Amino acid sequence: MATLRASEIFSDSGRRLIAIESVDFVCDRTGSASRLYGKIEPVALIVCTPDTHYAQDIQARPVALDQLRQDMPELDAIMAPFDHDTD
């Protein structure tokens, strides 16, 4: 089963880039032999600046950032230095 993970790939005082990746591992056992297969695929990129946050998929289409934050609670801690009120 694939899960999502967030990894900070760049950060400075003005911006932070966060990669969202799908991680999938499968274990195969045949007799006394075991094999582990893994796959990591990029899913989206989140851009955080003091003025805005946005997410886009690999084809540069908008992605619902609220849904990503709900699916991955660890995003809140990564994005915290750039959180702002959107009112």
N, C-alpha and C. Protein backbone atom coordinates (compact mmCIF):
# COMPACT_ATOMS: atom_id res chain seq x y z
N MET A 1 0.84 -1.18 0.00
CA MET A 1 0.00 0.00 0.00
C MET A 1 0.88 1.24 0.00
N ALA A 2 0.59 2.17 -0.87
CA ALA A 2 1.37 3.40 -0.98
C ALA A 2 0.95 4.39 0.11
N THR A 3 1.93 5.11 0.60
CA THR A 3 1.68 6.19 1.55
C THR A 3 2.35 7.45 1.02
N LEU A 4 1.93 8.58 1.52
CA LEU A 4 2.53 9.85 1.13
C LEU A 4 3.50 10.32 2.19
N ARG A 5 4.56 10.97 1.74
CA ARG A 5 5.49 11.59 2.68
C ARG A 5 5.89 12.94 2.16
N ALA A 6 6.26 13.83 3.07
CA ALA A 6 6.68 15.18 2.72
C ALA A 6 8.14 15.34 3.08
N SER A 7 8.90 15.95 2.16
CA SER A 7 10.33 16.20 2.39
C SER A 7 10.66 17.62 1.98
N GLU A 8 11.26 18.36 2.88
CA GLU A 8 11.72 19.71 2.54
C GLU A 8 12.92 19.56 1.61
N ILE A 9 12.85 20.19 0.44
CA ILE A 9 13.96 20.07 -0.51
C ILE A 9 14.75 21.36 -0.65
N PHE A 10 14.18 22.48 -0.19
CA PHE A 10 14.90 23.75 -0.23
C PHE A 10 14.25 24.70 0.77
N SER A 11 15.08 25.50 1.42
CA SER A 11 14.54 26.51 2.33
C SER A 11 15.56 27.62 2.51
N ASP A 12 15.07 28.84 2.49
CA ASP A 12 15.85 29.99 2.90
C ASP A 12 14.89 30.94 3.61
N SER A 13 15.31 32.16 3.86
CA SER A 13 14.44 33.07 4.63
C SER A 13 13.20 33.51 3.86
N GLY A 14 13.19 33.33 2.53
CA GLY A 14 12.07 33.81 1.74
C GLY A 14 11.17 32.75 1.16
N ARG A 15 11.60 31.51 1.17
CA ARG A 15 10.77 30.46 0.56
C ARG A 15 11.16 29.08 1.08
N ARG A 16 10.22 28.17 0.92
CA ARG A 16 10.45 26.76 1.27
C ARG A 16 9.76 25.92 0.21
N LEU A 17 10.47 24.93 -0.31
CA LEU A 17 9.91 23.98 -1.26
C LEU A 17 9.80 22.62 -0.59
N ILE A 18 8.63 22.02 -0.72
CA ILE A 18 8.36 20.73 -0.08
C ILE A 18 7.90 19.75 -1.15
N ALA A 19 8.61 18.64 -1.26
CA ALA A 19 8.23 17.60 -2.21
C ALA A 19 7.27 16.63 -1.53
N ILE A 20 6.21 16.27 -2.23
CA ILE A 20 5.28 15.25 -1.76
C ILE A 20 5.53 14.02 -2.62
N GLU A 21 5.81 12.90 -1.96
CA GLU A 21 6.16 11.68 -2.67
C GLU A 21 5.26 10.53 -2.24
N SER A 22 4.98 9.66 -3.18
CA SER A 22 4.27 8.42 -2.91
C SER A 22 5.32 7.34 -2.68
N VAL A 23 5.21 6.64 -1.56
CA VAL A 23 6.17 5.60 -1.21
C VAL A 23 5.42 4.29 -1.10
N ASP A 24 5.91 3.27 -1.82
CA ASP A 24 5.24 1.97 -1.84
C ASP A 24 6.29 0.88 -1.69
N PHE A 25 6.08 -0.05 -0.76
CA PHE A 25 6.96 -1.19 -0.56
C PHE A 25 6.16 -2.47 -0.62
N VAL A 26 6.74 -3.48 -1.25
CA VAL A 26 6.12 -4.80 -1.34
C VAL A 26 7.15 -5.83 -0.94
N CYS A 27 6.76 -6.74 -0.07
CA CYS A 27 7.64 -7.83 0.35
C CYS A 27 7.13 -9.13 -0.28
N ASP A 28 8.04 -9.87 -0.89
CA ASP A 28 7.71 -11.13 -1.55
C ASP A 28 8.53 -12.24 -0.91
N ARG A 29 7.85 -13.28 -0.44
CA ARG A 29 8.54 -14.43 0.17
C ARG A 29 8.26 -15.68 -0.64
N THR A 30 9.34 -16.36 -1.03
CA THR A 30 9.24 -17.61 -1.75
C THR A 30 10.15 -18.61 -1.04
N GLY A 31 9.54 -19.54 -0.36
CA GLY A 31 10.35 -20.50 0.40
C GLY A 31 11.18 -19.78 1.44
N SER A 32 12.50 -19.96 1.37
CA SER A 32 13.39 -19.30 2.33
C SER A 32 13.92 -17.97 1.81
N ALA A 33 13.55 -17.57 0.61
CA ALA A 33 14.02 -16.30 0.04
C ALA A 33 12.98 -15.19 0.26
N SER A 34 13.49 -14.02 0.52
CA SER A 34 12.63 -12.84 0.68
C SER A 34 13.16 -11.74 -0.22
N ARG A 35 12.23 -11.02 -0.81
CA ARG A 35 12.59 -9.87 -1.63
C ARG A 35 11.75 -8.68 -1.21
N LEU A 36 12.38 -7.53 -1.22
CA LEU A 36 11.69 -6.29 -0.88
C LEU A 36 11.81 -5.36 -2.07
N TYR A 37 10.67 -4.90 -2.56
CA TYR A 37 10.64 -3.97 -3.68
C TYR A 37 10.09 -2.65 -3.17
N GLY A 38 10.70 -1.58 -3.61
CA GLY A 38 10.22 -0.27 -3.21
C GLY A 38 10.13 0.67 -4.38
N LYS A 39 9.25 1.63 -4.26
CA LYS A 39 9.07 2.62 -5.31
C LYS A 39 8.74 3.96 -4.66
N ILE A 40 9.45 4.99 -5.06
CA ILE A 40 9.18 6.35 -4.61
C ILE A 40 8.92 7.19 -5.85
N GLU A 41 7.77 7.83 -5.89
CA GLU A 41 7.41 8.66 -7.04
C GLU A 41 7.01 10.06 -6.58
N PRO A 42 7.46 11.09 -7.28
CA PRO A 42 7.01 12.44 -6.94
C PRO A 42 5.53 12.59 -7.27
N VAL A 43 4.81 13.29 -6.41
CA VAL A 43 3.38 13.50 -6.58
C VAL A 43 3.06 14.99 -6.74
N ALA A 44 3.68 15.81 -5.90
CA ALA A 44 3.36 17.24 -5.91
C ALA A 44 4.51 18.04 -5.33
N LEU A 45 4.43 19.35 -5.51
CA LEU A 45 5.39 20.28 -4.96
C LEU A 45 4.61 21.39 -4.26
N ILE A 46 5.01 21.70 -3.04
CA ILE A 46 4.40 22.80 -2.29
C ILE A 46 5.41 23.93 -2.22
N VAL A 47 4.97 25.13 -2.53
CA VAL A 47 5.80 26.33 -2.45
C VAL A 47 5.23 27.21 -1.34
N CYS A 48 6.07 27.56 -0.38
CA CYS A 48 5.67 28.43 0.72
C CYS A 48 6.53 29.70 0.68
N THR A 49 5.89 30.84 0.75
CA THR A 49 6.56 32.13 0.90
C THR A 49 5.84 32.87 2.01
N PRO A 50 6.38 33.98 2.48
CA PRO A 50 5.67 34.73 3.51
C PRO A 50 4.28 35.21 3.05
N ASP A 51 4.08 35.36 1.74
CA ASP A 51 2.83 35.89 1.21
C ASP A 51 1.83 34.83 0.75
N THR A 52 2.29 33.66 0.39
CA THR A 52 1.39 32.67 -0.19
C THR A 52 1.90 31.24 -0.01
N HIS A 53 0.98 30.31 -0.13
CA HIS A 53 1.28 28.88 -0.17
C HIS A 53 0.51 28.32 -1.36
N TYR A 54 1.12 27.45 -2.10
CA TYR A 54 0.36 26.74 -3.13
C TYR A 54 1.02 25.40 -3.42
N ALA A 55 0.21 24.51 -3.97
CA ALA A 55 0.68 23.17 -4.31
C ALA A 55 0.30 22.89 -5.75
N GLN A 56 1.18 22.16 -6.42
CA GLN A 56 0.89 21.74 -7.79
C GLN A 56 1.39 20.33 -7.99
N ASP A 57 0.71 19.61 -8.90
CA ASP A 57 1.15 18.25 -9.18
C ASP A 57 2.31 18.27 -10.16
N ILE A 58 2.75 17.11 -10.58
CA ILE A 58 3.92 17.00 -11.44
C ILE A 58 3.68 17.62 -12.82
N GLN A 59 2.43 17.71 -13.23
CA GLN A 59 2.10 18.35 -14.50
C GLN A 59 1.80 19.85 -14.32
N ALA A 60 2.13 20.40 -13.16
CA ALA A 60 1.96 21.81 -12.81
C ALA A 60 0.50 22.24 -12.72
N ARG A 61 -0.39 21.29 -12.42
CA ARG A 61 -1.80 21.61 -12.18
C ARG A 61 -2.00 21.87 -10.69
N PRO A 62 -2.88 22.78 -10.32
CA PRO A 62 -3.13 23.07 -8.90
C PRO A 62 -3.60 21.83 -8.15
N VAL A 63 -3.16 21.72 -6.91
CA VAL A 63 -3.55 20.64 -6.00
C VAL A 63 -4.13 21.30 -4.76
N ALA A 64 -5.14 20.68 -4.17
CA ALA A 64 -5.76 21.22 -2.95
C ALA A 64 -4.81 21.07 -1.76
N LEU A 65 -4.23 22.17 -1.34
CA LEU A 65 -3.28 22.16 -0.24
C LEU A 65 -3.95 21.73 1.06
N ASP A 66 -5.20 22.13 1.27
CA ASP A 66 -5.91 21.72 2.49
C ASP A 66 -6.04 20.20 2.57
N GLN A 67 -6.28 19.56 1.45
CA GLN A 67 -6.40 18.09 1.43
C GLN A 67 -5.05 17.44 1.75
N LEU A 68 -3.97 17.98 1.20
CA LEU A 68 -2.63 17.43 1.51
C LEU A 68 -2.33 17.58 2.99
N ARG A 69 -2.68 18.74 3.57
CA ARG A 69 -2.43 18.95 5.01
C ARG A 69 -3.26 17.99 5.85
N GLN A 70 -4.46 17.67 5.40
CA GLN A 70 -5.30 16.72 6.13
C GLN A 70 -4.74 15.30 6.02
N ASP A 71 -4.25 14.94 4.83
CA ASP A 71 -3.70 13.60 4.62
C ASP A 71 -2.35 13.40 5.30
N MET A 72 -1.60 14.48 5.48
CA MET A 72 -0.25 14.40 6.07
C MET A 72 -0.10 15.45 7.16
N PRO A 73 -0.47 15.12 8.39
CA PRO A 73 -0.38 16.09 9.48
C PRO A 73 1.03 16.66 9.69
N GLU A 74 2.07 15.94 9.27
CA GLU A 74 3.44 16.43 9.44
C GLU A 74 3.71 17.68 8.60
N LEU A 75 2.88 17.96 7.62
CA LEU A 75 3.04 19.17 6.82
C LEU A 75 2.91 20.43 7.66
N ASP A 76 2.05 20.40 8.67
CA ASP A 76 1.86 21.58 9.51
C ASP A 76 3.17 22.05 10.13
N ALA A 77 3.98 21.11 10.62
CA ALA A 77 5.26 21.47 11.24
C ALA A 77 6.25 21.99 10.20
N ILE A 78 6.26 21.40 9.02
CA ILE A 78 7.18 21.83 7.97
C ILE A 78 6.82 23.22 7.46
N MET A 79 5.52 23.49 7.36
CA MET A 79 5.07 24.77 6.81
C MET A 79 4.95 25.88 7.86
N ALA A 80 5.06 25.54 9.13
CA ALA A 80 4.82 26.49 10.23
C ALA A 80 5.57 27.82 10.09
N PRO A 81 6.85 27.83 9.73
CA PRO A 81 7.54 29.14 9.64
C PRO A 81 6.94 30.08 8.59
N PHE A 82 6.16 29.54 7.65
CA PHE A 82 5.59 30.37 6.60
C PHE A 82 4.07 30.46 6.69
N ASP A 83 3.48 29.98 7.77
CA ASP A 83 2.04 30.08 7.93
C ASP A 83 1.64 31.54 8.11
N HIS A 84 0.50 31.87 7.53
CA HIS A 84 -0.03 33.23 7.61
C HIS A 84 -1.54 33.16 7.56
N ASP A 85 -2.17 34.24 7.96
CA ASP A 85 -3.63 34.31 7.88
C ASP A 85 -4.02 34.59 6.44
N THR A 86 -5.03 33.87 5.95
CA THR A 86 -5.49 34.08 4.59
C THR A 86 -6.77 34.92 4.55
N ASP A 87 -7.15 35.53 5.67
CA ASP A 87 -8.38 36.34 5.72
C ASP A 87 -8.17 37.67 5.03
